[in-house]
Amino acid sequence: MNEHENLGELMDFLHANGEWTLDPVTGGFLFDAVVTYCASRTVSFKTRVRVQTDAQSNGKISLDETSKCPASAYHLDFYPRWQTMRFDRDSNLLVVSGRSDKMGDYKVTILAEPR
């Protein structure tokens, strides 16, 4: 998928999950989610998710670091330009996948929690 298709998938996910608030720092979307990270091992955790919508960071997804998912071991920022984003409408999940030297192949699923 290209960057524009990834942004479309991300926006579809955000519209289907209208339980977000505006982030007072970035002006983007802010919501709590259950995140599952699948790489060399699988870990699930609750965290806060920020989606930036300004022109410079358009579509950047940032996960707050947790004890189960430290920044030293996992990627916490994802970009429509570099990762693949797909909205799974059946399960209401945003699926982000990619490959890096740090993680190898990885897949991250984001399930927005209702407020």
PDB file of N, CA and C in Angstrom:
ATOM      1  N   MET A   1       0.839  -1.180   0.000  1.00  0.00           N
ATOM      2  CA  MET A   1       0.000   0.000   0.000  1.00  0.00           C
ATOM      3  C   MET A   1       0.883   1.243   0.000  1.00  0.00           C
ATOM      4  N   ASN A   2       0.362   2.294  -0.579  1.00  0.00           N
ATOM      5  CA  ASN A   2       1.119   3.538  -0.560  1.00  0.00           C
ATOM      6  C   ASN A   2       0.651   4.422   0.597  1.00  0.00           C
ATOM      7  N   GLU A   3       1.320   5.541   0.774  1.00  0.00           N
ATOM      8  CA  GLU A   3       1.041   6.434   1.900  1.00  0.00           C
ATOM      9  C   GLU A   3      -0.415   6.913   1.909  1.00  0.00           C
ATOM     10  N   HIS A   4      -0.956   7.251   0.755  1.00  0.00           N
ATOM     11  CA  HIS A   4      -2.331   7.754   0.685  1.00  0.00           C
ATOM     12  C   HIS A   4      -3.342   6.662   1.034  1.00  0.00           C
ATOM     13  N   GLU A   5      -3.103   5.453   0.575  1.00  0.00           N
ATOM     14  CA  GLU A   5      -3.991   4.334   0.935  1.00  0.00           C
ATOM     15  C   GLU A   5      -3.919   4.063   2.429  1.00  0.00           C
ATOM     16  N   ASN A   6      -2.715   4.114   2.991  1.00  0.00           N
ATOM     17  CA  ASN A   6      -2.557   3.913   4.436  1.00  0.00           C
ATOM     18  C   ASN A   6      -3.305   4.984   5.223  1.00  0.00           C
ATOM     19  N   LEU A   7      -3.205   6.247   4.800  1.00  0.00           N
ATOM     20  CA  LEU A   7      -3.937   7.328   5.461  1.00  0.00           C
ATOM     21  C   LEU A   7      -5.442   7.112   5.378  1.00  0.00           C
ATOM     22  N   GLY A   8      -5.919   6.633   4.243  1.00  0.00           N
ATOM     23  CA  GLY A   8      -7.341   6.334   4.082  1.00  0.00           C
ATOM     24  C   GLY A   8      -7.797   5.259   5.064  1.00  0.00           C
ATOM     25  N   GLU A   9      -7.002   4.220   5.220  1.00  0.00           N
ATOM     26  CA  GLU A   9      -7.331   3.147   6.172  1.00  0.00           C
ATOM     27  C   GLU A   9      -7.348   3.682   7.605  1.00  0.00           C
ATOM     28  N   LEU A  10      -6.368   4.521   7.930  1.00  0.00           N
ATOM     29  CA  LEU A  10      -6.291   5.115   9.266  1.00  0.00           C
ATOM     30  C   LEU A  10      -7.507   6.001   9.528  1.00  0.00           C
ATOM     31  N   MET A  11      -7.883   6.822   8.562  1.00  0.00           N
ATOM     32  CA  MET A  11      -9.034   7.710   8.743  1.00  0.00           C
ATOM     33  C   MET A  11     -10.326   6.909   8.858  1.00  0.00           C
ATOM     34  N   ASP A  12     -10.467   5.831   8.099  1.00  0.00           N
ATOM     35  CA  ASP A  12     -11.647   4.963   8.234  1.00  0.00           C
ATOM     36  C   ASP A  12     -11.734   4.394   9.642  1.00  0.00           C
ATOM     37  N   PHE A  13     -10.600   3.964  10.188  1.00  0.00           N
ATOM     38  CA  PHE A  13     -10.551   3.453  11.555  1.00  0.00           C
ATOM     39  C   PHE A  13     -10.978   4.530  12.551  1.00  0.00           C
ATOM     40  N   LEU A  14     -10.448   5.737  12.400  1.00  0.00           N
ATOM     41  CA  LEU A  14     -10.782   6.826  13.324  1.00  0.00           C
ATOM     42  C   LEU A  14     -12.260   7.200  13.236  1.00  0.00           C
ATOM     43  N   HIS A  15     -12.820   7.215  12.041  1.00  0.00           N
ATOM     44  CA  HIS A  15     -14.238   7.547  11.888  1.00  0.00           C
ATOM     45  C   HIS A  15     -15.137   6.462  12.469  1.00  0.00           C
ATOM     46  N   ALA A  16     -14.727   5.213  12.353  1.00  0.00           N
ATOM     47  CA  ALA A  16     -15.525   4.110  12.911  1.00  0.00           C
ATOM     48  C   ALA A  16     -15.437   4.063  14.429  1.00  0.00           C
ATOM     49  N   ASN A  17     -14.411   4.682  14.985  1.00  0.00           N
ATOM     50  CA  ASN A  17     -14.175   4.676  16.425  1.00  0.00           C
ATOM     51  C   ASN A  17     -14.181   6.115  16.925  1.00  0.00           C
ATOM     52  N   GLY A  18     -15.345   6.714  16.989  1.00  0.00           N
ATOM     53  CA  GLY A  18     -15.476   8.122  17.333  1.00  0.00           C
ATOM     54  C   GLY A  18     -15.341   8.429  18.807  1.00  0.00           C
ATOM     55  N   GLU A  19     -14.785   7.526  19.589  1.00  0.00           N
ATOM     56  CA  GLU A  19     -14.626   7.727  21.033  1.00  0.00           C
ATOM     57  C   GLU A  19     -13.306   8.404  21.379  1.00  0.00           C
ATOM     58  N   TRP A  20     -12.741   9.151  20.484  1.00  0.00           N
ATOM     59  CA  TRP A  20     -11.471   9.838  20.725  1.00  0.00           C
ATOM     60  C   TRP A  20     -11.740  11.266  21.184  1.00  0.00           C
ATOM     61  N   THR A  21     -10.709  11.879  21.724  1.00  0.00           N
ATOM     62  CA  THR A  21     -10.757  13.298  22.073  1.00  0.00           C
ATOM     63  C   THR A  21      -9.649  14.001  21.299  1.00  0.00           C
ATOM     64  N   LEU A  22      -9.658  15.304  21.322  1.00  0.00           N
ATOM     65  CA  LEU A  22      -8.582  16.055  20.687  1.00  0.00           C
ATOM     66  C   LEU A  22      -7.413  16.164  21.647  1.00  0.00           C
ATOM     67  N   ASP A  23      -6.223  15.872  21.149  1.00  0.00           N
ATOM     68  CA  ASP A  23      -5.005  15.985  21.938  1.00  0.00           C
ATOM     69  C   ASP A  23      -4.681  17.467  22.103  1.00  0.00           C
ATOM     70  N   PRO A  24      -4.647  17.988  23.345  1.00  0.00           N
ATOM     71  CA  PRO A  24      -4.382  19.415  23.536  1.00  0.00           C
ATOM     72  C   PRO A  24      -2.973  19.837  23.124  1.00  0.00           C
ATOM     73  N   VAL A  25      -2.054  18.895  23.033  1.00  0.00           N
ATOM     74  CA  VAL A  25      -0.674  19.214  22.658  1.00  0.00           C
ATOM     75  C   VAL A  25      -0.519  19.291  21.140  1.00  0.00           C
ATOM     76  N   THR A  26      -1.024  18.276  20.439  1.00  0.00           N
ATOM     77  CA  THR A  26      -0.798  18.211  18.987  1.00  0.00           C
ATOM     78  C   THR A  26      -2.011  18.618  18.159  1.00  0.00           C
ATOM     79  N   GLY A  27      -3.201  18.641  18.784  1.00  0.00           N
ATOM     80  CA  GLY A  27      -4.417  18.920  18.026  1.00  0.00           C
ATOM     81  C   GLY A  27      -4.916  17.718  17.264  1.00  0.00           C
ATOM     82  N   GLY A  28      -4.251  16.576  17.429  1.00  0.00           N
ATOM     83  CA  GLY A  28      -4.658  15.351  16.756  1.00  0.00           C
ATOM     84  C   GLY A  28      -5.650  14.560  17.586  1.00  0.00           C
ATOM     85  N   PHE A  29      -5.769  13.282  17.272  1.00  0.00           N
ATOM     86  CA  PHE A  29      -6.696  12.384  17.952  1.00  0.00           C
ATOM     87  C   PHE A  29      -6.006  11.704  19.123  1.00  0.00           C
ATOM     88  N   LEU A  30      -6.761  11.467  20.196  1.00  0.00           N
ATOM     89  CA  LEU A  30      -6.225  10.855  21.409  1.00  0.00           C
ATOM     90  C   LEU A  30      -7.256   9.858  21.923  1.00  0.00           C
ATOM     91  N   PHE A  31      -6.829   8.608  22.169  1.00  0.00           N
ATOM     92  CA  PHE A  31      -7.754   7.610  22.688  1.00  0.00           C
ATOM     93  C   PHE A  31      -6.979   6.491  23.382  1.00  0.00           C
ATOM     94  N   ASP A  32      -7.689   5.770  24.248  1.00  0.00           N
ATOM     95  CA  ASP A  32      -7.126   4.603  24.907  1.00  0.00           C
ATOM     96  C   ASP A  32      -7.392   3.380  24.041  1.00  0.00           C
ATOM     97  N   ALA A  33      -6.473   2.412  24.104  1.00  0.00           N
ATOM     98  CA  ALA A  33      -6.616   1.233  23.252  1.00  0.00           C
ATOM     99  C   ALA A  33      -5.958   0.024  23.893  1.00  0.00           C
ATOM    100  N   VAL A  34      -6.387  -1.121  23.424  1.00  0.00           N
ATOM    101  CA  VAL A  34      -5.692  -2.370  23.707  1.00  0.00           C
ATOM    102  C   VAL A  34      -4.840  -2.648  22.470  1.00  0.00           C
ATOM    103  N   VAL A  35      -3.548  -2.777  22.693  1.00  0.00           N
ATOM    104  CA  VAL A  35      -2.596  -2.959  21.600  1.00  0.00           C
ATOM    105  C   VAL A  35      -1.959  -4.337  21.733  1.00  0.00           C
ATOM    106  N   THR A  36      -1.862  -5.042  20.631  1.00  0.00           N
ATOM    107  CA  THR A  36      -1.164  -6.325  20.609  1.00  0.00           C
ATOM    108  C   THR A  36      -0.014  -6.203  19.622  1.00  0.00           C
ATOM    109  N   TYR A  37       1.177  -6.503  20.108  1.00  0.00           N
ATOM    110  CA  TYR A  37       2.398  -6.404  19.324  1.00  0.00           C
ATOM    111  C   TYR A  37       2.874  -7.814  19.033  1.00  0.00           C
ATOM    112  N   CYS A  38       2.946  -8.180  17.764  1.00  0.00           N
ATOM    113  CA  CYS A  38       3.421  -9.506  17.359  1.00  0.00           C
ATOM    114  C   CYS A  38       4.733  -9.346  16.612  1.00  0.00           C
ATOM    115  N   ALA A  39       5.785  -9.847  17.206  1.00  0.00           N
ATOM    116  CA  ALA A  39       7.103  -9.840  16.564  1.00  0.00           C
ATOM    117  C   ALA A  39       7.743 -11.176  16.936  1.00  0.00           C
ATOM    118  N   SER A  40       8.924 -11.159  17.542  1.00  0.00           N
ATOM    119  CA  SER A  40       9.535 -12.412  17.975  1.00  0.00           C
ATOM    120  C   SER A  40       8.723 -13.054  19.100  1.00  0.00           C
ATOM    121  N   ARG A  41       7.952 -12.212  19.812  1.00  0.00           N
ATOM    122  CA  ARG A  41       6.992 -12.704  20.801  1.00  0.00           C
ATOM    123  C   ARG A  41       5.766 -11.798  20.740  1.00  0.00           C
ATOM    124  N   THR A  42       4.697 -12.224  21.370  1.00  0.00           N
ATOM    125  CA  THR A  42       3.457 -11.450  21.361  1.00  0.00           C
ATOM    126  C   THR A  42       3.220 -10.853  22.734  1.00  0.00           C
ATOM    127  N   VAL A  43       2.869  -9.577  22.762  1.00  0.00           N
ATOM    128  CA  VAL A  43       2.571  -8.886  24.019  1.00  0.00           C
ATOM    129  C   VAL A  43       1.342  -8.009  23.795  1.00  0.00           C
ATOM    130  N   SER A  44       0.409  -8.032  24.747  1.00  0.00           N
ATOM    131  CA  SER A  44      -0.776  -7.175  24.709  1.00  0.00           C
ATOM    132  C   SER A  44      -0.757  -6.252  25.913  1.00  0.00           C
ATOM    133  N   PHE A  45      -1.217  -5.034  25.725  1.00  0.00           N
ATOM    134  CA  PHE A  45      -1.195  -4.051  26.805  1.00  0.00           C
ATOM    135  C   PHE A  45      -2.176  -2.935  26.491  1.00  0.00           C
ATOM    136  N   LYS A  46      -2.593  -2.216  27.521  1.00  0.00           N
ATOM    137  CA  LYS A  46      -3.428  -1.029  27.350  1.00  0.00           C
ATOM    138  C   LYS A  46      -2.517   0.188  27.363  1.00  0.00           C
ATOM    139  N   THR A  47      -2.834   1.139  26.498  1.00  0.00           N
ATOM    140  CA  THR A  47      -2.037   2.354  26.426  1.00  0.00           C
ATOM    141  C   THR A  47      -2.850   3.474  25.799  1.00  0.00           C
ATOM    142  N   ARG A  48      -2.287   4.633  25.809  1.00  0.00           N
ATOM    143  CA  ARG A  48      -2.887   5.788  25.144  1.00  0.00           C
ATOM    144  C   ARG A  48      -2.271   5.901  23.759  1.00  0.00           C
ATOM    145  N   VAL A  49      -3.113   6.203  22.779  1.00  0.00           N
ATOM    146  CA  VAL A  49      -2.683   6.327  21.382  1.00  0.00           C
ATOM    147  C   VAL A  49      -2.925   7.759  20.929  1.00  0.00           C
ATOM    148  N   ARG A  50      -1.942   8.319  20.231  1.00  0.00           N
ATOM    149  CA  ARG A  50      -2.057   9.655  19.645  1.00  0.00           C
ATOM    150  C   ARG A  50      -1.884   9.544  18.129  1.00  0.00           C
ATOM    151  N   VAL A  51      -2.769  10.185  17.403  1.00  0.00           N
ATOM    152  CA  VAL A  51      -2.646  10.241  15.946  1.00  0.00           C
ATOM    153  C   VAL A  51      -2.519  11.711  15.579  1.00  0.00           C
ATOM    154  N   GLN A  52      -1.381  12.069  15.039  1.00  0.00           N
ATOM    155  CA  GLN A  52      -1.122  13.465  14.684  1.00  0.00           C
ATOM    156  C   GLN A  52      -1.661  13.757  13.288  1.00  0.00           C
ATOM    157  N   THR A  53      -2.286  14.904  13.155  1.00  0.00           N
ATOM    158  CA  THR A  53      -2.911  15.249  11.880  1.00  0.00           C
ATOM    159  C   THR A  53      -2.364  16.540  11.277  1.00  0.00           C
ATOM    160  N   ASP A  54      -1.319  17.102  11.890  1.00  0.00           N
ATOM    161  CA  ASP A  54      -0.740  18.317  11.313  1.00  0.00           C
ATOM    162  C   ASP A  54      -0.006  17.971  10.019  1.00  0.00           C
ATOM    163  N   ALA A  55       0.282  18.973   9.221  1.00  0.00           N
ATOM    164  CA  ALA A  55       0.873  18.764   7.897  1.00  0.00           C
ATOM    165  C   ALA A  55       2.225  18.065   7.951  1.00  0.00           C
ATOM    166  N   GLN A  56       3.013  18.346   8.969  1.00  0.00           N
ATOM    167  CA  GLN A  56       4.354  17.764   9.054  1.00  0.00           C
ATOM    168  C   GLN A  56       4.319  16.289   9.461  1.00  0.00           C
ATOM    169  N   SER A  57       3.420  15.915  10.358  1.00  0.00           N
ATOM    170  CA  SER A  57       3.391  14.552  10.898  1.00  0.00           C
ATOM    171  C   SER A  57       2.142  13.792  10.483  1.00  0.00           C
ATOM    172  N   ASN A  58       1.525  14.173   9.404  1.00  0.00           N
ATOM    173  CA  ASN A  58       0.218  13.654   9.022  1.00  0.00           C
ATOM    174  C   ASN A  58       0.113  12.137   9.127  1.00  0.00           C
ATOM    175  N   GLY A  59      -0.715  11.699  10.060  1.00  0.00           N
ATOM    176  CA  GLY A  59      -0.979  10.285  10.214  1.00  0.00           C
ATOM    177  C   GLY A  59      -0.028   9.551  11.127  1.00  0.00           C
ATOM    178  N   LYS A  60       0.896  10.233  11.763  1.00  0.00           N
ATOM    179  CA  LYS A  60       1.822   9.570  12.680  1.00  0.00           C
ATOM    180  C   LYS A  60       1.036   9.022  13.874  1.00  0.00           C
ATOM    181  N   ILE A  61       1.254   7.754  14.165  1.00  0.00           N
ATOM    182  CA  ILE A  61       0.638   7.097  15.316  1.00  0.00           C
ATOM    183  C   ILE A  61       1.712   6.918  16.373  1.00  0.00           C
ATOM    184  N   SER A  62       1.426   7.368  17.595  1.00  0.00           N
ATOM    185  CA  SER A  62       2.366   7.203  18.707  1.00  0.00           C
ATOM    186  C   SER A  62       1.673   6.479  19.842  1.00  0.00           C
ATOM    187  N   LEU A  63       2.335   5.447  20.350  1.00  0.00           N
ATOM    188  CA  LEU A  63       1.848   4.713  21.507  1.00  0.00           C
ATOM    189  C   LEU A  63       2.610   5.184  22.730  1.00  0.00           C
ATOM    190  N   ASP A  64       1.911   5.391  23.842  1.00  0.00           N
ATOM    191  CA  ASP A  64       2.605   5.701  25.090  1.00  0.00           C
ATOM    192  C   ASP A  64       3.353   4.458  25.558  1.00  0.00           C
ATOM    193  N   GLU A  65       4.560   4.649  26.013  1.00  0.00           N
ATOM    194  CA  GLU A  65       5.393   3.562  26.524  1.00  0.00           C
ATOM    195  C   GLU A  65       4.762   2.978  27.785  1.00  0.00           C
ATOM    196  N   THR A  66       4.839   1.661  27.935  1.00  0.00           N
ATOM    197  CA  THR A  66       4.382   0.973  29.143  1.00  0.00           C
ATOM    198  C   THR A  66       5.477   0.019  29.601  1.00  0.00           C
ATOM    199  N   SER A  67       5.305  -0.540  30.795  1.00  0.00           N
ATOM    200  CA  SER A  67       6.295  -1.514  31.281  1.00  0.00           C
ATOM    201  C   SER A  67       6.312  -2.764  30.410  1.00  0.00           C
ATOM    202  N   LYS A  68       5.180  -3.110  29.808  1.00  0.00           N
ATOM    203  CA  LYS A  68       5.122  -4.273  28.919  1.00  0.00           C
ATOM    204  C   LYS A  68       5.681  -3.976  27.535  1.00  0.00           C
ATOM    205  N   CYS A  69       5.767  -2.701  27.185  1.00  0.00           N
ATOM    206  CA  CYS A  69       6.205  -2.319  25.847  1.00  0.00           C
ATOM    207  C   CYS A  69       7.156  -1.119  25.928  1.00  0.00           C
ATOM    208  N   PRO A  70       8.397  -1.344  26.378  1.00  0.00           N
ATOM    209  CA  PRO A  70       9.346  -0.227  26.487  1.00  0.00           C
ATOM    210  C   PRO A  70       9.895   0.183  25.124  1.00  0.00           C
ATOM    211  N   ALA A  71      10.195   1.464  25.002  1.00  0.00           N
ATOM    212  CA  ALA A  71      10.723   1.992  23.745  1.00  0.00           C
ATOM    213  C   ALA A  71      12.063   1.357  23.369  1.00  0.00           C
ATOM    214  N   SER A  72      12.792   0.875  24.354  1.00  0.00           N
ATOM    215  CA  SER A  72      14.085   0.247  24.062  1.00  0.00           C
ATOM    216  C   SER A  72      13.931  -1.078  23.319  1.00  0.00           C
ATOM    217  N   ALA A  73      12.763  -1.703  23.435  1.00  0.00           N
ATOM    218  CA  ALA A  73      12.559  -3.011  22.812  1.00  0.00           C
ATOM    219  C   ALA A  73      11.561  -2.996  21.655  1.00  0.00           C
ATOM    220  N   TYR A  74      10.695  -1.973  21.603  1.00  0.00           N
ATOM    221  CA  TYR A  74       9.618  -1.941  20.611  1.00  0.00           C
ATOM    222  C   TYR A  74       9.537  -0.577  19.934  1.00  0.00           C
ATOM    223  N   HIS A  75       9.041  -0.580  18.704  1.00  0.00           N
ATOM    224  CA  HIS A  75       8.714   0.674  18.028  1.00  0.00           C
ATOM    225  C   HIS A  75       7.416   1.202  18.626  1.00  0.00           C
ATOM    226  N   LEU A  76       7.370   2.493  18.927  1.00  0.00           N
ATOM    227  CA  LEU A  76       6.164   3.104  19.472  1.00  0.00           C
ATOM    228  C   LEU A  76       5.584   4.160  18.542  1.00  0.00           C
ATOM    229  N   ASP A  77       6.273   4.476  17.462  1.00  0.00           N
ATOM    230  CA  ASP A  77       5.789   5.444  16.484  1.00  0.00           C
ATOM    231  C   ASP A  77       5.690   4.763  15.117  1.00  0.00           C
ATOM    232  N   PHE A  78       4.581   5.064  14.428  1.00  0.00           N
ATOM    233  CA  PHE A  78       4.322   4.457  13.124  1.00  0.00           C
ATOM    234  C   PHE A  78       3.856   5.536  12.160  1.00  0.00           C
ATOM    235  N   TYR A  79       4.296   5.434  10.910  1.00  0.00           N
ATOM    236  CA  TYR A  79       4.019   6.450   9.900  1.00  0.00           C
ATOM    237  C   TYR A  79       3.391   5.816   8.660  1.00  0.00           C
ATOM    238  N   PRO A  80       2.367   6.443   8.093  1.00  0.00           N
ATOM    239  CA  PRO A  80       1.756   5.907   6.880  1.00  0.00           C
ATOM    240  C   PRO A  80       2.741   5.774   5.718  1.00  0.00           C
ATOM    241  N   ARG A  81       3.798   6.541   5.755  1.00  0.00           N
ATOM    242  CA  ARG A  81       4.786   6.480   4.682  1.00  0.00           C
ATOM    243  C   ARG A  81       5.655   5.215   4.778  1.00  0.00           C
ATOM    244  N   TRP A  82       5.909   4.713   5.994  1.00  0.00           N
ATOM    245  CA  TRP A  82       6.883   3.638   6.162  1.00  0.00           C
ATOM    246  C   TRP A  82       6.273   2.299   6.561  1.00  0.00           C
ATOM    247  N   GLN A  83       5.098   2.312   7.163  1.00  0.00           N
ATOM    248  CA  GLN A  83       4.447   1.068   7.545  1.00  0.00           C
ATOM    249  C   GLN A  83       3.187   0.878   6.705  1.00  0.00           C
ATOM    250  N   THR A  84       2.658  -0.333   6.745  1.00  0.00           N
ATOM    251  CA  THR A  84       1.391  -0.632   6.092  1.00  0.00           C
ATOM    252  C   THR A  84       0.298  -0.564   7.144  1.00  0.00           C
ATOM    253  N   MET A  85      -0.777   0.146   6.831  1.00  0.00           N
ATOM    254  CA  MET A  85      -1.905   0.287   7.750  1.00  0.00           C
ATOM    255  C   MET A  85      -3.158  -0.223   7.057  1.00  0.00           C
ATOM    256  N   ARG A  86      -3.904  -1.072   7.795  1.00  0.00           N
ATOM    257  CA  ARG A  86      -5.123  -1.653   7.241  1.00  0.00           C
ATOM    258  C   ARG A  86      -6.186  -1.663   8.329  1.00  0.00           C
ATOM    259  N   PHE A  87      -7.369  -1.174   8.017  1.00  0.00           N
ATOM    260  CA  PHE A  87      -8.487  -1.208   8.940  1.00  0.00           C
ATOM    261  C   PHE A  87      -9.266  -2.486   8.691  1.00  0.00           C
ATOM    262  N   ASP A  88      -9.260  -3.402   9.668  1.00  0.00           N
ATOM    263  CA  ASP A  88     -10.030  -4.645   9.598  1.00  0.00           C
ATOM    264  C   ASP A  88     -11.424  -4.334  10.134  1.00  0.00           C
ATOM    265  N   ARG A  89     -12.348  -4.118   9.233  1.00  0.00           N
ATOM    266  CA  ARG A  89     -13.696  -3.707   9.614  1.00  0.00           C
ATOM    267  C   ARG A  89     -14.452  -4.781  10.388  1.00  0.00           C
ATOM    268  N   ASP A  90     -14.158  -6.041  10.119  1.00  0.00           N
ATOM    269  CA  ASP A  90     -14.849  -7.134  10.816  1.00  0.00           C
ATOM    270  C   ASP A  90     -14.507  -7.167  12.301  1.00  0.00           C
ATOM    271  N   SER A  91     -13.256  -6.928  12.636  1.00  0.00           N
ATOM    272  CA  SER A  91     -12.829  -6.976  14.040  1.00  0.00           C
ATOM    273  C   SER A  91     -12.630  -5.583  14.636  1.00  0.00           C
ATOM    274  N   ASN A  92     -12.831  -4.538  13.824  1.00  0.00           N
ATOM    275  CA  ASN A  92     -12.675  -3.146  14.245  1.00  0.00           C
ATOM    276  C   ASN A  92     -11.252  -2.836  14.723  1.00  0.00           C
ATOM    277  N   LEU A  93     -10.269  -3.464  14.103  1.00  0.00           N
ATOM    278  CA  LEU A  93      -8.864  -3.286  14.457  1.00  0.00           C
ATOM    279  C   LEU A  93      -8.125  -2.499  13.385  1.00  0.00           C
ATOM    280  N   LEU A  94      -7.211  -1.640  13.827  1.00  0.00           N
ATOM    281  CA  LEU A  94      -6.236  -1.074  12.910  1.00  0.00           C
ATOM    282  C   LEU A  94      -5.012  -1.980  12.991  1.00  0.00           C
ATOM    283  N   VAL A  95      -4.582  -2.489  11.856  1.00  0.00           N
ATOM    284  CA  VAL A  95      -3.434  -3.390  11.790  1.00  0.00           C
ATOM    285  C   VAL A  95      -2.286  -2.649  11.118  1.00  0.00           C
ATOM    286  N   VAL A  96      -1.175  -2.510  11.844  1.00  0.00           N
ATOM    287  CA  VAL A  96       0.013  -1.828  11.343  1.00  0.00           C
ATOM    288  C   VAL A  96       1.113  -2.879  11.224  1.00  0.00           C
ATOM    289  N   SER A  97       1.717  -2.970  10.063  1.00  0.00           N
ATOM    290  CA  SER A  97       2.784  -3.958   9.890  1.00  0.00           C
ATOM    291  C   SER A  97       3.987  -3.315   9.223  1.00  0.00           C
ATOM    292  N   GLY A  98       5.130  -3.921   9.485  1.00  0.00           N
ATOM    293  CA  GLY A  98       6.364  -3.410   8.923  1.00  0.00           C
ATOM    294  C   GLY A  98       7.521  -4.348   9.171  1.00  0.00           C
ATOM    295  N   ARG A  99       8.688  -3.858   8.829  1.00  0.00           N
ATOM    296  CA  ARG A  99       9.931  -4.613   9.016  1.00  0.00           C
ATOM    297  C   ARG A  99      11.020  -3.617   9.358  1.00  0.00           C
ATOM    298  N   SER A 100      11.868  -3.989  10.329  1.00  0.00           N
ATOM    299  CA  SER A 100      12.982  -3.114  10.701  1.00  0.00           C
ATOM    300  C   SER A 100      14.138  -3.962  11.205  1.00  0.00           C
ATOM    301  N   ASP A 101      15.322  -3.344  11.276  1.00  0.00           N
ATOM    302  CA  ASP A 101      16.478  -4.043  11.834  1.00  0.00           C
ATOM    303  C   ASP A 101      16.267  -4.348  13.309  1.00  0.00           C
ATOM    304  N   LYS A 102      15.606  -3.464  14.004  1.00  0.00           N
ATOM    305  CA  LYS A 102      15.379  -3.608  15.445  1.00  0.00           C
ATOM    306  C   LYS A 102      14.428  -4.761  15.765  1.00  0.00           C
ATOM    307  N   MET A 103      13.350  -4.912  14.958  1.00  0.00           N
ATOM    308  CA  MET A 103      12.282  -5.854  15.283  1.00  0.00           C
ATOM    309  C   MET A 103      12.161  -7.020  14.313  1.00  0.00           C
ATOM    310  N   GLY A 104      12.740  -6.903  13.129  1.00  0.00           N
ATOM    311  CA  GLY A 104      12.423  -7.870  12.088  1.00  0.00           C
ATOM    312  C   GLY A 104      11.015  -7.581  11.591  1.00  0.00           C
ATOM    313  N   ASP A 105      10.281  -8.612  11.178  1.00  0.00           N
ATOM    314  CA  ASP A 105       8.887  -8.430  10.777  1.00  0.00           C
ATOM    315  C   ASP A 105       8.037  -8.253  12.023  1.00  0.00           C
ATOM    316  N   TYR A 106       7.094  -7.310  11.989  1.00  0.00           N
ATOM    317  CA  TYR A 106       6.213  -7.102  13.134  1.00  0.00           C
ATOM    318  C   TYR A 106       4.824  -6.707  12.653  1.00  0.00           C
ATOM    319  N   LYS A 107       3.845  -6.953  13.540  1.00  0.00           N
ATOM    320  CA  LYS A 107       2.466  -6.551  13.297  1.00  0.00           C
ATOM    321  C   LYS A 107       1.910  -6.022  14.609  1.00  0.00           C
ATOM    322  N   VAL A 108       1.243  -4.889  14.535  1.00  0.00           N
ATOM    323  CA  VAL A 108       0.652  -4.255  15.708  1.00  0.00           C
ATOM    324  C   VAL A 108      -0.835  -4.088  15.439  1.00  0.00           C
ATOM    325  N   THR A 109      -1.674  -4.562  16.353  1.00  0.00           N
ATOM    326  CA  THR A 109      -3.106  -4.334  16.217  1.00  0.00           C
ATOM    327  C   THR A 109      -3.549  -3.364  17.297  1.00  0.00           C
ATOM    328  N   ILE A 110      -4.425  -2.445  16.909  1.00  0.00           N
ATOM    329  CA  ILE A 110      -4.917  -1.412  17.823  1.00  0.00           C
ATOM    330  C   ILE A 110      -6.437  -1.514  17.868  1.00  0.00           C
ATOM    331  N   LEU A 111      -6.959  -1.742  19.064  1.00  0.00           N
ATOM    332  CA  LEU A 111      -8.400  -1.811  19.295  1.00  0.00           C
ATOM    333  C   LEU A 111      -8.774  -0.672  20.225  1.00  0.00           C
ATOM    334  N   ALA A 112      -9.475   0.322  19.689  1.00  0.00           N
ATOM    335  CA  ALA A 112      -9.865   1.479  20.494  1.00  0.00           C
ATOM    336  C   ALA A 112     -10.843   1.039  21.574  1.00  0.00           C
ATOM    337  N   GLU A 113     -10.591   1.507  22.808  1.00  0.00           N
ATOM    338  CA  GLU A 113     -11.498   1.201  23.912  1.00  0.00           C
ATOM    339  C   GLU A 113     -12.606   2.241  23.967  1.00  0.00           C
ATOM    340  N   PRO A 114     -13.837   1.795  24.185  1.00  0.00           N
ATOM    341  CA  PRO A 114     -14.909   2.781  24.361  1.00  0.00           C
ATOM    342  C   PRO A 114     -14.716   3.555  25.646  1.00  0.00           C
ATOM    343  N   ARG A 115     -15.138   4.812  25.642  1.00  0.00           N
ATOM    344  CA  ARG A 115     -15.006   5.629  26.855  1.00  0.00           C
ATOM    345  C   ARG A 115     -16.153   5.374  27.781  1.00  0.00           C
TER     346      ARG A 115
END
